[in-house]
Amino acid sequence: MTRREFIALVSSAAAIRPLGARAERPPERVLYFTYSAGYRHDVIPLSEAILTQLGRNSGAFEVIATEDLSEFSTGSLERYAAVMFYTSGEIPMSGAQKIALLNFVRSGRGFLGVHSATDTFYTWPDYLDLIGGYFNGHPWHQGVTIEVADVADPLVAFLGNSLQLNDEIYQISDFDYRGSRVLLRLDQSSVDLNKAGVHQRFYGWPLAWTRFYGEGRVFYSALGHEASVWQDPRCQKILTNAILWSTRRSA
């Protein structure tokens, strides 16, 4: 990341006013896990810097970035209020580490996934139950219109009815539409539905949602391939709000 890019992200992040943060409490610790067993996104270092700055600005959370699998033990996870994945592929977690993660979320902690977090653990069915869907191709990489599917949800209410973004747009298969609250979805009129690789499903193209796993709060956003998305104050505010919600610093 260049000095100019860093100054730009700090300036934009500083403008974010988080949703319902309670600064009188010590900041919650969020484990940002960026292990790539498949495709590795170039934007990961920038995302780490932005999330760290967003946490500082909020005063409500602290982001600890790692690729260390040893963090996924019952004892280590006790230090965190939430885990966030920007991952890919079949991560070599042991059975005990997988159980520790699931129990962590079931017990009431948070789980957040960004972009290729749905391109992860295809051979582990419990992970699908946790995150709510799997990546199934990205036929569009362009400027699109994104609908705010739930304008009453405080995580995205500030956006109004829609927003324009340029990003790699995921399709989602195996989507748990009954158990998920869709926040953002692709406006299909803004893309070519006849393009090769397009899979039309009755639930359309969800791009962000929340759900529950046991007592835990789960958030996923398919956005985040492009650096410009991470630098966008609107996307930064969505992530800040989602972290506060997942760590129970907001309702």
C-alpha atoms as a PDB file:
ATOM      1  CA  MET A   1       0.000   0.000   0.000  1.00  0.00           C
ATOM      2  CA  THR A   2       1.357   3.407  -0.978  1.00  0.00           C
ATOM      3  CA  ARG A   3       1.560   6.381   1.381  1.00  0.00           C
ATOM      4  CA  ARG A   4      -1.112   8.153  -0.676  1.00  0.00           C
ATOM      5  CA  GLU A   5      -3.461   5.162  -0.382  1.00  0.00           C
ATOM      6  CA  PHE A   6      -2.890   4.990   3.374  1.00  0.00           C
ATOM      7  CA  ILE A   7      -3.639   8.691   3.834  1.00  0.00           C
ATOM      8  CA  ALA A   8      -6.804   8.307   1.750  1.00  0.00           C
ATOM      9  CA  LEU A   9      -8.082   5.348   3.750  1.00  0.00           C
ATOM     10  CA  VAL A  10      -7.385   7.042   7.086  1.00  0.00           C
ATOM     11  CA  SER A  11      -9.155  10.202   5.939  1.00  0.00           C
ATOM     12  CA  SER A  12     -12.210   8.292   4.735  1.00  0.00           C
ATOM     13  CA  ALA A  13     -12.297   5.984   7.751  1.00  0.00           C
ATOM     14  CA  ALA A  14     -12.125   8.955  10.104  1.00  0.00           C
ATOM     15  CA  ALA A  15     -15.453  10.167   8.732  1.00  0.00           C
ATOM     16  CA  ILE A  16     -17.282   7.011   9.791  1.00  0.00           C
ATOM     17  CA  ARG A  17     -19.677   7.434  12.676  1.00  0.00           C
ATOM     18  CA  PRO A  18     -20.390   3.911  13.945  1.00  0.00           C
ATOM     19  CA  LEU A  19     -23.796   2.595  14.835  1.00  0.00           C
ATOM     20  CA  GLY A  20     -24.539   2.696  18.545  1.00  0.00           C
ATOM     21  CA  ALA A  21     -20.992   2.217  19.818  1.00  0.00           C
ATOM     22  CA  ARG A  22     -20.606   2.195  23.596  1.00  0.00           C
ATOM     23  CA  ALA A  23     -17.208   3.737  24.132  1.00  0.00           C
ATOM     24  CA  GLU A  24     -17.305   3.412  27.920  1.00  0.00           C
ATOM     25  CA  ARG A  25     -16.591  -0.315  27.648  1.00  0.00           C
ATOM     26  CA  PRO A  26     -13.139  -1.652  26.781  1.00  0.00           C
ATOM     27  CA  PRO A  27     -12.873  -2.418  23.056  1.00  0.00           C
ATOM     28  CA  GLU A  28     -13.850  -5.885  21.921  1.00  0.00           C
ATOM     29  CA  ARG A  29     -11.187  -7.982  20.196  1.00  0.00           C
ATOM     30  CA  VAL A  30     -11.954  -9.186  16.659  1.00  0.00           C
ATOM     31  CA  LEU A  31      -9.795 -11.900  15.093  1.00  0.00           C
ATOM     32  CA  TYR A  32      -9.367 -11.145  11.383  1.00  0.00           C
ATOM     33  CA  PHE A  33      -8.357 -14.422   9.734  1.00  0.00           C
ATOM     34  CA  THR A  34      -6.920 -14.131   6.211  1.00  0.00           C
ATOM     35  CA  TYR A  35      -5.588 -17.619   5.447  1.00  0.00           C
ATOM     36  CA  SER A  36      -5.781 -18.368   1.720  1.00  0.00           C
ATOM     37  CA  ALA A  37      -5.792 -22.028   0.739  1.00  0.00           C
ATOM     38  CA  GLY A  38      -7.077 -21.070  -2.711  1.00  0.00           C
ATOM     39  CA  TYR A  39      -6.956 -17.740  -4.525  1.00  0.00           C
ATOM     40  CA  ARG A  40      -5.300 -15.004  -2.457  1.00  0.00           C
ATOM     41  CA  HIS A  41      -6.687 -11.498  -2.871  1.00  0.00           C
ATOM     42  CA  ASP A  42      -4.186  -8.673  -3.329  1.00  0.00           C
ATOM     43  CA  VAL A  43      -6.388  -6.349  -1.272  1.00  0.00           C
ATOM     44  CA  ILE A  44      -5.915  -8.253   2.001  1.00  0.00           C
ATOM     45  CA  PRO A  45      -3.124  -6.010   3.401  1.00  0.00           C
ATOM     46  CA  LEU A  46      -5.196  -2.911   2.641  1.00  0.00           C
ATOM     47  CA  SER A  47      -8.246  -4.501   4.272  1.00  0.00           C
ATOM     48  CA  GLU A  48      -6.222  -5.171   7.430  1.00  0.00           C
ATOM     49  CA  ALA A  49      -5.131  -1.538   7.611  1.00  0.00           C
ATOM     50  CA  ILE A  50      -8.650  -0.229   7.067  1.00  0.00           C
ATOM     51  CA  LEU A  51     -10.273  -2.533   9.604  1.00  0.00           C
ATOM     52  CA  THR A  52      -7.615  -1.612  12.154  1.00  0.00           C
ATOM     53  CA  GLN A  53      -8.329   2.081  11.600  1.00  0.00           C
ATOM     54  CA  LEU A  54     -12.097   1.565  11.769  1.00  0.00           C
ATOM     55  CA  GLY A  55     -11.680  -0.154  15.114  1.00  0.00           C
ATOM     56  CA  ARG A  56      -9.590   2.713  16.455  1.00  0.00           C
ATOM     57  CA  ASN A  57     -12.094   5.275  15.210  1.00  0.00           C
ATOM     58  CA  SER A  58     -15.018   3.466  16.821  1.00  0.00           C
ATOM     59  CA  GLY A  59     -13.310   2.972  20.170  1.00  0.00           C
ATOM     60  CA  ALA A  60     -15.447  -0.167  20.433  1.00  0.00           C
ATOM     61  CA  PHE A  61     -13.297  -2.868  18.834  1.00  0.00           C
ATOM     62  CA  GLU A  62      -9.704  -3.819  18.119  1.00  0.00           C
ATOM     63  CA  VAL A  63      -8.787  -5.900  15.072  1.00  0.00           C
ATOM     64  CA  ILE A  64      -6.062  -8.545  15.305  1.00  0.00           C
ATOM     65  CA  ALA A  65      -5.108  -9.912  11.869  1.00  0.00           C
ATOM     66  CA  THR A  66      -3.590 -13.374  11.600  1.00  0.00           C
ATOM     67  CA  GLU A  67      -3.126 -16.479   9.477  1.00  0.00           C
ATOM     68  CA  ASP A  68      -2.135 -18.566  12.491  1.00  0.00           C
ATOM     69  CA  LEU A  69      -4.357 -21.632  12.771  1.00  0.00           C
ATOM     70  CA  SER A  70      -3.352 -22.123  16.407  1.00  0.00           C
ATOM     71  CA  GLU A  71      -5.690 -19.261  17.344  1.00  0.00           C
ATOM     72  CA  PHE A  72      -8.571 -21.684  16.782  1.00  0.00           C
ATOM     73  CA  SER A  73      -8.547 -23.375  20.144  1.00  0.00           C
ATOM     74  CA  THR A  74     -11.129 -22.964  22.868  1.00  0.00           C
ATOM     75  CA  GLY A  75      -8.652 -21.137  25.077  1.00  0.00           C
ATOM     76  CA  SER A  76      -7.363 -18.751  22.424  1.00  0.00           C
ATOM     77  CA  LEU A  77     -10.800 -17.881  21.088  1.00  0.00           C
ATOM     78  CA  GLU A  78     -11.928 -16.862  24.579  1.00  0.00           C
ATOM     79  CA  ARG A  79      -9.918 -13.670  24.043  1.00  0.00           C
ATOM     80  CA  TYR A  80     -12.170 -12.552  21.186  1.00  0.00           C
ATOM     81  CA  ALA A  81     -15.718 -11.310  20.766  1.00  0.00           C
ATOM     82  CA  ALA A  82     -15.869 -12.166  17.062  1.00  0.00           C
ATOM     83  CA  VAL A  83     -13.984 -13.841  14.232  1.00  0.00           C
ATOM     84  CA  MET A  84     -13.918 -12.397  10.708  1.00  0.00           C
ATOM     85  CA  PHE A  85     -12.890 -14.486   7.674  1.00  0.00           C
ATOM     86  CA  TYR A  86     -11.375 -13.240   4.416  1.00  0.00           C
ATOM     87  CA  THR A  87     -10.328 -16.725   3.382  1.00  0.00           C
ATOM     88  CA  SER A  88     -10.404 -19.175   0.490  1.00  0.00           C
ATOM     89  CA  GLY A  89     -10.174 -22.880  -0.166  1.00  0.00           C
ATOM     90  CA  GLU A  90      -9.987 -25.854   2.167  1.00  0.00           C
ATOM     91  CA  ILE A  91      -8.169 -24.406   5.168  1.00  0.00           C
ATOM     92  CA  PRO A  92      -6.186 -27.134   6.976  1.00  0.00           C
ATOM     93  CA  MET A  93      -7.983 -26.841  10.310  1.00  0.00           C
ATOM     94  CA  SER A  94      -8.039 -29.892  12.535  1.00  0.00           C
ATOM     95  CA  GLY A  95     -11.317 -31.367  13.715  1.00  0.00           C
ATOM     96  CA  ALA A  96     -10.741 -29.878  17.170  1.00  0.00           C
ATOM     97  CA  GLN A  97     -10.132 -26.424  15.682  1.00  0.00           C
ATOM     98  CA  LYS A  98     -13.339 -26.614  13.662  1.00  0.00           C
ATOM     99  CA  ILE A  99     -15.327 -27.619  16.731  1.00  0.00           C
ATOM    100  CA  ALA A 100     -13.762 -24.765  18.694  1.00  0.00           C
ATOM    101  CA  LEU A 101     -14.873 -22.245  16.050  1.00  0.00           C
ATOM    102  CA  LEU A 102     -18.429 -23.586  15.900  1.00  0.00           C
ATOM    103  CA  ASN A 103     -18.768 -23.663  19.679  1.00  0.00           C
ATOM    104  CA  PHE A 104     -17.365 -20.137  19.860  1.00  0.00           C
ATOM    105  CA  VAL A 105     -20.158 -18.830  17.632  1.00  0.00           C
ATOM    106  CA  ARG A 106     -22.911 -21.040  19.077  1.00  0.00           C
ATOM    107  CA  SER A 107     -22.135 -19.709  22.545  1.00  0.00           C
ATOM    108  CA  GLY A 108     -23.000 -16.156  21.521  1.00  0.00           C
ATOM    109  CA  ARG A 109     -19.880 -14.707  19.900  1.00  0.00           C
ATOM    110  CA  GLY A 110     -19.811 -13.157  16.446  1.00  0.00           C
ATOM    111  CA  PHE A 111     -18.774 -14.439  13.038  1.00  0.00           C
ATOM    112  CA  LEU A 112     -18.269 -12.243   9.979  1.00  0.00           C
ATOM    113  CA  GLY A 113     -17.320 -13.234   6.455  1.00  0.00           C
ATOM    114  CA  VAL A 114     -16.029 -10.976   3.695  1.00  0.00           C
ATOM    115  CA  HIS A 115     -16.017 -11.716  -0.044  1.00  0.00           C
ATOM    116  CA  SER A 116     -14.266 -15.078  -0.506  1.00  0.00           C
ATOM    117  CA  ALA A 117     -15.294 -16.334   2.926  1.00  0.00           C
ATOM    118  CA  THR A 118     -18.027 -18.151   0.969  1.00  0.00           C
ATOM    119  CA  ASP A 119     -15.290 -19.628  -1.272  1.00  0.00           C
ATOM    120  CA  THR A 120     -14.088 -21.612   1.735  1.00  0.00           C
ATOM    121  CA  PHE A 121     -14.650 -25.066   3.271  1.00  0.00           C
ATOM    122  CA  TYR A 122     -16.795 -26.624   0.530  1.00  0.00           C
ATOM    123  CA  THR A 123     -16.161 -30.054   2.064  1.00  0.00           C
ATOM    124  CA  TRP A 124     -17.259 -29.055   5.579  1.00  0.00           C
ATOM    125  CA  PRO A 125     -21.090 -28.967   5.733  1.00  0.00           C
ATOM    126  CA  ASP A 126     -21.145 -27.301   9.157  1.00  0.00           C
ATOM    127  CA  TYR A 127     -19.432 -24.274   7.640  1.00  0.00           C
ATOM    128  CA  LEU A 128     -22.287 -23.882   5.169  1.00  0.00           C
ATOM    129  CA  ASP A 129     -24.693 -23.966   8.119  1.00  0.00           C
ATOM    130  CA  LEU A 130     -22.623 -21.222   9.721  1.00  0.00           C
ATOM    131  CA  ILE A 131     -22.187 -18.812   6.821  1.00  0.00           C
ATOM    132  CA  GLY A 132     -25.369 -19.528   4.862  1.00  0.00           C
ATOM    133  CA  GLY A 133     -24.190 -19.977   1.260  1.00  0.00           C
ATOM    134  CA  TYR A 134     -21.338 -20.810  -1.102  1.00  0.00           C
ATOM    135  CA  PHE A 135     -19.601 -18.853  -3.863  1.00  0.00           C
ATOM    136  CA  ASN A 136     -20.710 -20.009  -7.300  1.00  0.00           C
ATOM    137  CA  GLY A 137     -18.854 -17.899  -9.828  1.00  0.00           C
ATOM    138  CA  HIS A 138     -18.471 -14.197 -10.574  1.00  0.00           C
ATOM    139  CA  PRO A 139     -19.681 -13.484 -14.111  1.00  0.00           C
ATOM    140  CA  TRP A 140     -19.646  -9.709 -13.589  1.00  0.00           C
ATOM    141  CA  HIS A 141     -16.741  -7.480 -12.622  1.00  0.00           C
ATOM    142  CA  GLN A 142     -18.077  -4.016 -13.290  1.00  0.00           C
ATOM    143  CA  GLY A 143     -20.099  -1.115 -12.004  1.00  0.00           C
ATOM    144  CA  VAL A 144     -23.497  -2.325 -10.753  1.00  0.00           C
ATOM    145  CA  THR A 145     -26.534  -1.113  -8.857  1.00  0.00           C
ATOM    146  CA  ILE A 146     -27.015  -2.763  -5.480  1.00  0.00           C
ATOM    147  CA  GLU A 147     -30.452  -2.705  -3.895  1.00  0.00           C
ATOM    148  CA  VAL A 148     -30.868  -2.233  -0.171  1.00  0.00           C
ATOM    149  CA  ALA A 149     -33.125  -5.199   0.471  1.00  0.00           C
ATOM    150  CA  ASP A 150     -34.021  -4.232   4.034  1.00  0.00           C
ATOM    151  CA  VAL A 151     -34.081  -0.444   4.379  1.00  0.00           C
ATOM    152  CA  ALA A 152     -35.257  -0.789   7.993  1.00  0.00           C
ATOM    153  CA  ASP A 153     -32.180  -2.703   9.128  1.00  0.00           C
ATOM    154  CA  PRO A 154     -29.857  -0.337  11.033  1.00  0.00           C
ATOM    155  CA  LEU A 155     -26.752  -1.933   9.505  1.00  0.00           C
ATOM    156  CA  VAL A 156     -27.670  -0.546   6.067  1.00  0.00           C
ATOM    157  CA  ALA A 157     -30.520   1.932   6.630  1.00  0.00           C
ATOM    158  CA  PHE A 158     -28.171   4.895   6.078  1.00  0.00           C
ATOM    159  CA  LEU A 159     -27.706   3.849   2.430  1.00  0.00           C
ATOM    160  CA  GLY A 160     -31.251   4.642   1.334  1.00  0.00           C
ATOM    161  CA  ASN A 161     -32.714   2.457  -1.400  1.00  0.00           C
ATOM    162  CA  SER A 162     -29.609   1.631  -3.452  1.00  0.00           C
ATOM    163  CA  LEU A 163     -25.961   2.314  -4.152  1.00  0.00           C
ATOM    164  CA  GLN A 164     -23.597   2.107  -7.113  1.00  0.00           C
ATOM    165  CA  LEU A 165     -20.363   0.143  -6.785  1.00  0.00           C
ATOM    166  CA  ASN A 166     -17.690  -1.314  -9.032  1.00  0.00           C
ATOM    167  CA  ASP A 167     -16.675  -4.759  -7.793  1.00  0.00           C
ATOM    168  CA  GLU A 168     -16.438  -8.445  -8.571  1.00  0.00           C
ATOM    169  CA  ILE A 169     -19.996  -9.675  -8.113  1.00  0.00           C
ATOM    170  CA  TYR A 170     -20.500 -13.094  -6.582  1.00  0.00           C
ATOM    171  CA  GLN A 171     -23.256 -15.559  -7.247  1.00  0.00           C
ATOM    172  CA  ILE A 172     -24.341 -17.626  -4.262  1.00  0.00           C
ATOM    173  CA  SER A 173     -25.444 -21.261  -4.325  1.00  0.00           C
ATOM    174  CA  ASP A 174     -27.003 -23.285  -1.500  1.00  0.00           C
ATOM    175  CA  PHE A 175     -28.278 -20.046   0.005  1.00  0.00           C
ATOM    176  CA  ASP A 176     -30.243 -20.446   3.233  1.00  0.00           C
ATOM    177  CA  TYR A 177     -32.859 -17.866   2.294  1.00  0.00           C
ATOM    178  CA  ARG A 178     -35.206 -18.973   5.081  1.00  0.00           C
ATOM    179  CA  GLY A 179     -32.598 -18.556   7.806  1.00  0.00           C
ATOM    180  CA  SER A 180     -30.927 -15.390   6.500  1.00  0.00           C
ATOM    181  CA  ARG A 181     -31.962 -11.747   6.525  1.00  0.00           C
ATOM    182  CA  VAL A 182     -30.851 -10.283   3.206  1.00  0.00           C
ATOM    183  CA  LEU A 183     -29.520  -6.740   3.532  1.00  0.00           C
ATOM    184  CA  LEU A 184     -28.145  -6.097   0.033  1.00  0.00           C
ATOM    185  CA  ARG A 185     -28.858  -7.723  -3.309  1.00  0.00           C
ATOM    186  CA  LEU A 186     -27.791  -7.170  -6.888  1.00  0.00           C
ATOM    187  CA  ASP A 187     -30.173  -5.148  -9.052  1.00  0.00           C
ATOM    188  CA  GLN A 188     -30.302  -7.594 -11.928  1.00  0.00           C
ATOM    189  CA  SER A 189     -31.339  -4.859 -14.351  1.00  0.00           C
ATOM    190  CA  SER A 190     -27.806  -3.430 -14.028  1.00  0.00           C
ATOM    191  CA  VAL A 191     -26.069  -6.522 -15.482  1.00  0.00           C
ATOM    192  CA  ASP A 192     -26.236  -8.758 -18.542  1.00  0.00           C
ATOM    193  CA  LEU A 193     -28.159 -11.861 -17.493  1.00  0.00           C
ATOM    194  CA  ASN A 194     -27.233 -13.607 -20.751  1.00  0.00           C
ATOM    195  CA  LYS A 195     -23.528 -13.526 -20.003  1.00  0.00           C
ATOM    196  CA  ALA A 196     -21.729 -16.882 -19.828  1.00  0.00           C
ATOM    197  CA  GLY A 197     -21.705 -18.402 -16.360  1.00  0.00           C
ATOM    198  CA  VAL A 198     -24.817 -16.656 -15.056  1.00  0.00           C
ATOM    199  CA  HIS A 199     -26.959 -18.859 -12.801  1.00  0.00           C
ATOM    200  CA  GLN A 200     -30.441 -17.522 -12.207  1.00  0.00           C
ATOM    201  CA  ARG A 201     -32.054 -18.663  -8.971  1.00  0.00           C
ATOM    202  CA  PHE A 202     -35.386 -17.797  -7.423  1.00  0.00           C
ATOM    203  CA  TYR A 203     -33.692 -15.896  -4.587  1.00  0.00           C
ATOM    204  CA  GLY A 204     -31.670 -13.758  -7.010  1.00  0.00           C
ATOM    205  CA  TRP A 205     -28.200 -12.504  -6.078  1.00  0.00           C
ATOM    206  CA  PRO A 206     -27.907 -11.762  -2.341  1.00  0.00           C
ATOM    207  CA  LEU A 207     -24.768  -9.743  -1.594  1.00  0.00           C
ATOM    208  CA  ALA A 208     -24.983  -9.222   2.174  1.00  0.00           C
ATOM    209  CA  TRP A 209     -26.976 -10.875   4.928  1.00  0.00           C
ATOM    210  CA  THR A 210     -27.219 -11.580   8.628  1.00  0.00           C
ATOM    211  CA  ARG A 211     -28.207 -14.805  10.362  1.00  0.00           C
ATOM    212  CA  PHE A 212     -27.887 -16.575  13.683  1.00  0.00           C
ATOM    213  CA  TYR A 213     -25.904 -19.668  14.540  1.00  0.00           C
ATOM    214  CA  GLY A 214     -26.962 -20.901  17.947  1.00  0.00           C
ATOM    215  CA  GLU A 215     -26.721 -17.784  20.099  1.00  0.00           C
ATOM    216  CA  GLY A 216     -24.126 -16.206  17.789  1.00  0.00           C
ATOM    217  CA  ARG A 217     -24.629 -13.371  15.325  1.00  0.00           C
ATOM    218  CA  VAL A 218     -23.368 -13.929  11.768  1.00  0.00           C
ATOM    219  CA  PHE A 219     -22.804 -11.344   9.034  1.00  0.00           C
ATOM    220  CA  TYR A 220     -21.567 -11.874   5.474  1.00  0.00           C
ATOM    221  CA  SER A 221     -20.813  -9.465   2.629  1.00  0.00           C
ATOM    222  CA  ALA A 222     -19.851 -10.670  -0.839  1.00  0.00           C
ATOM    223  CA  LEU A 223     -18.285  -7.285  -1.594  1.00  0.00           C
ATOM    224  CA  GLY A 224     -14.595  -6.546  -1.169  1.00  0.00           C
ATOM    225  CA  HIS A 225     -12.537  -7.694  -4.137  1.00  0.00           C
ATOM    226  CA  GLU A 226     -11.586  -4.176  -5.208  1.00  0.00           C
ATOM    227  CA  ALA A 227      -9.508  -1.746  -3.163  1.00  0.00           C
ATOM    228  CA  SER A 228     -12.011   0.976  -4.035  1.00  0.00           C
ATOM    229  CA  VAL A 229     -14.709  -0.929  -2.139  1.00  0.00           C
ATOM    230  CA  TRP A 230     -12.600  -1.075   1.008  1.00  0.00           C
ATOM    231  CA  GLN A 231     -11.843   2.637   0.640  1.00  0.00           C
ATOM    232  CA  ASP A 232     -15.503   3.566   0.139  1.00  0.00           C
ATOM    233  CA  PRO A 233     -16.891   5.254   3.315  1.00  0.00           C
ATOM    234  CA  ARG A 234     -20.261   3.565   2.776  1.00  0.00           C
ATOM    235  CA  CYS A 235     -18.710   0.105   2.765  1.00  0.00           C
ATOM    236  CA  GLN A 236     -16.569   1.003   5.746  1.00  0.00           C
ATOM    237  CA  LYS A 237     -19.675   2.028   7.650  1.00  0.00           C
ATOM    238  CA  ILE A 238     -21.435  -1.239   6.766  1.00  0.00           C
ATOM    239  CA  LEU A 239     -18.479  -3.209   8.140  1.00  0.00           C
ATOM    240  CA  THR A 240     -18.243  -1.055  11.263  1.00  0.00           C
ATOM    241  CA  ASN A 241     -21.951  -1.501  11.916  1.00  0.00           C
ATOM    242  CA  ALA A 242     -21.706  -5.240  11.277  1.00  0.00           C
ATOM    243  CA  ILE A 243     -18.815  -5.667  13.721  1.00  0.00           C
ATOM    244  CA  LEU A 244     -20.659  -3.706  16.396  1.00  0.00           C
ATOM    245  CA  TRP A 245     -23.781  -5.808  15.827  1.00  0.00           C
ATOM    246  CA  SER A 246     -21.926  -9.138  15.819  1.00  0.00           C
ATOM    247  CA  THR A 247     -20.102  -8.261  19.051  1.00  0.00           C
ATOM    248  CA  ARG A 248     -23.354  -7.036  20.665  1.00  0.00           C
ATOM    249  CA  ARG A 249     -22.180  -3.450  20.916  1.00  0.00           C
ATOM    250  CA  SER A 250     -25.394  -2.510  19.120  1.00  0.00           C
ATOM    251  CA  ALA A 251     -28.888  -4.010  18.992  1.00  0.00           C
END
